[in-house]
Every structure is written in structure tokens, then in C-alpha cells.
Amino acid sequence: AELSFWINIGDKNDNPPVFTQKIYVAEEIPENANTNALVTEVKALDKDTASPVTYDILEGNVGDAFYIENTTGKIRVKNQLDYESITA
């Protein structure tokens, strides 16, 4: 008796994601910007094929003003912006 089969070996997650830019700068955002308005988009690449890049804002998001789409890297306005409340 003879048996044939395939073995698929997955990619090991051994490469950290690398951002395509060191610094991302957004244009000036008006206080009256609409909720969900696009601020900027960040992008990271990962050599590991089995490890899709996901994004999250970890700190510095004063007043929970922004959110990042975890799969696209698009940073958007989440809450009404108030210049005076973040500069006081």
C-alpha cells in the first residue's frame, strides 16, 4: 500500500513589523472636523506572511479624540476636537 500526502509548513513569526516612515505628520485639523474624518494613515510591513499587521493607539490620545482602524492604519477623528481643553 502506498500513501501520498502534503505537509504545509507555516511561516514562523520572527520578523517585527517595520513602519514605512519614521515620522508621520498630519495636516492641520480644524476643531470642527467631522467625526470619522481622516487624519492620516500609517503603514507597516511584516516579512512574516502568516502575521498580518494590526494597529492600535497605545498612549497620547488626549480626550480619546482619535481612533485607528486596526487593519488599515487609518487614523480618524473619534470625538469632537477642542483645542482649549488639550492645551490648558
Protein backbone atom coordinates (compact mmCIF):
# COMPACT_ATOMS: atom_id res chain seq x y z
CA ALA A 1 0.00 0.00 0.00
CA GLU A 2 1.22 3.46 -0.82
CA LEU A 3 0.06 6.78 0.64
CA SER A 4 0.81 10.27 -0.67
CA PHE A 5 0.19 13.46 1.27
CA TRP A 6 1.32 17.09 1.51
CA ILE A 7 2.67 18.85 4.56
CA ASN A 8 2.35 22.63 4.65
CA ILE A 9 4.79 24.35 7.00
CA GLY A 10 3.66 27.78 8.19
CA ASP A 11 5.88 30.84 8.48
CA LYS A 12 7.29 31.48 11.96
CA ASN A 13 6.54 34.95 13.38
CA ASP A 14 10.18 36.00 13.72
CA ASN A 15 10.26 39.39 11.98
CA PRO A 16 8.88 42.51 13.65
CA PRO A 17 6.76 44.86 11.53
CA VAL A 18 8.60 47.89 10.14
CA PHE A 19 6.87 51.21 9.50
CA THR A 20 7.34 52.65 6.02
CA GLN A 21 8.14 56.08 7.53
CA LYS A 22 9.90 57.04 10.77
CA ILE A 23 7.57 60.00 11.36
CA TYR A 24 4.00 60.57 10.22
CA VAL A 25 2.72 64.13 10.13
CA ALA A 26 -0.92 65.08 9.70
CA GLU A 27 -2.10 68.30 8.14
CA GLU A 28 -3.72 70.81 10.49
CA ILE A 29 -7.11 69.50 11.60
CA PRO A 30 -9.85 72.06 12.26
CA GLU A 31 -11.73 71.92 15.58
CA ASN A 32 -14.96 71.41 13.68
CA ALA A 33 -13.67 68.33 11.83
CA ASN A 34 -16.38 65.74 11.34
CA THR A 35 -16.35 62.51 13.29
CA ASN A 36 -14.58 59.83 11.20
CA ALA A 37 -12.62 62.47 9.24
CA LEU A 38 -9.33 61.02 8.02
CA VAL A 39 -6.31 62.48 9.83
CA THR A 40 -3.50 60.39 8.33
CA GLU A 41 -2.62 56.80 7.51
CA VAL A 42 0.30 54.81 8.89
CA LYS A 43 1.68 51.71 7.24
CA ALA A 44 3.91 48.92 8.47
CA LEU A 45 5.21 45.91 6.57
CA ASP A 46 5.87 42.47 8.01
CA LYS A 47 8.03 39.87 6.27
CA ASP A 48 6.10 37.12 8.06
CA THR A 49 3.36 36.04 5.69
CA ALA A 50 1.24 34.44 8.41
CA SER A 51 1.22 37.53 10.65
CA PRO A 52 -0.97 40.35 9.38
CA VAL A 53 -0.09 43.77 10.81
CA THR A 54 -2.65 45.28 13.18
CA TYR A 55 -2.59 48.80 14.61
CA ASP A 56 -3.56 50.34 17.95
CA ILE A 57 -3.08 53.70 19.69
CA LEU A 58 -1.35 52.93 22.98
CA GLU A 59 -0.84 56.38 24.50
CA GLY A 60 -1.01 60.11 23.86
CA ASN A 61 -4.61 60.11 22.65
CA VAL A 62 -5.76 63.06 24.78
CA GLY A 63 -9.52 63.11 25.28
CA ASP A 64 -9.86 59.90 23.26
CA ALA A 65 -10.04 62.24 20.26
CA PHE A 66 -8.82 59.76 17.65
CA TYR A 67 -9.05 56.11 16.71
CA ILE A 68 -7.06 53.94 14.35
CA GLU A 69 -8.60 51.33 12.09
CA ASN A 70 -6.76 48.26 13.30
CA THR A 71 -6.32 46.65 9.88
CA THR A 72 -5.81 49.68 7.61
CA GLY A 73 -3.75 52.05 9.79
CA LYS A 74 -6.09 54.95 9.02
CA ILE A 75 -6.27 57.41 11.92
CA ARG A 76 -9.62 59.18 12.17
CA VAL A 77 -11.39 61.71 14.38
CA LYS A 78 -13.38 59.92 17.07
CA ASN A 79 -14.70 62.73 19.27
CA GLN A 80 -15.24 66.45 18.84
CA LEU A 81 -11.90 68.24 18.96
CA ASP A 82 -11.39 71.07 21.48
CA TYR A 83 -8.09 72.91 21.22
CA GLU A 84 -8.52 74.72 24.55
CA SER A 85 -9.09 71.53 26.54
CA ILE A 86 -5.85 69.90 25.35
CA THR A 87 -3.62 72.97 25.62
CA ALA A 88 -4.74 74.16 29.07
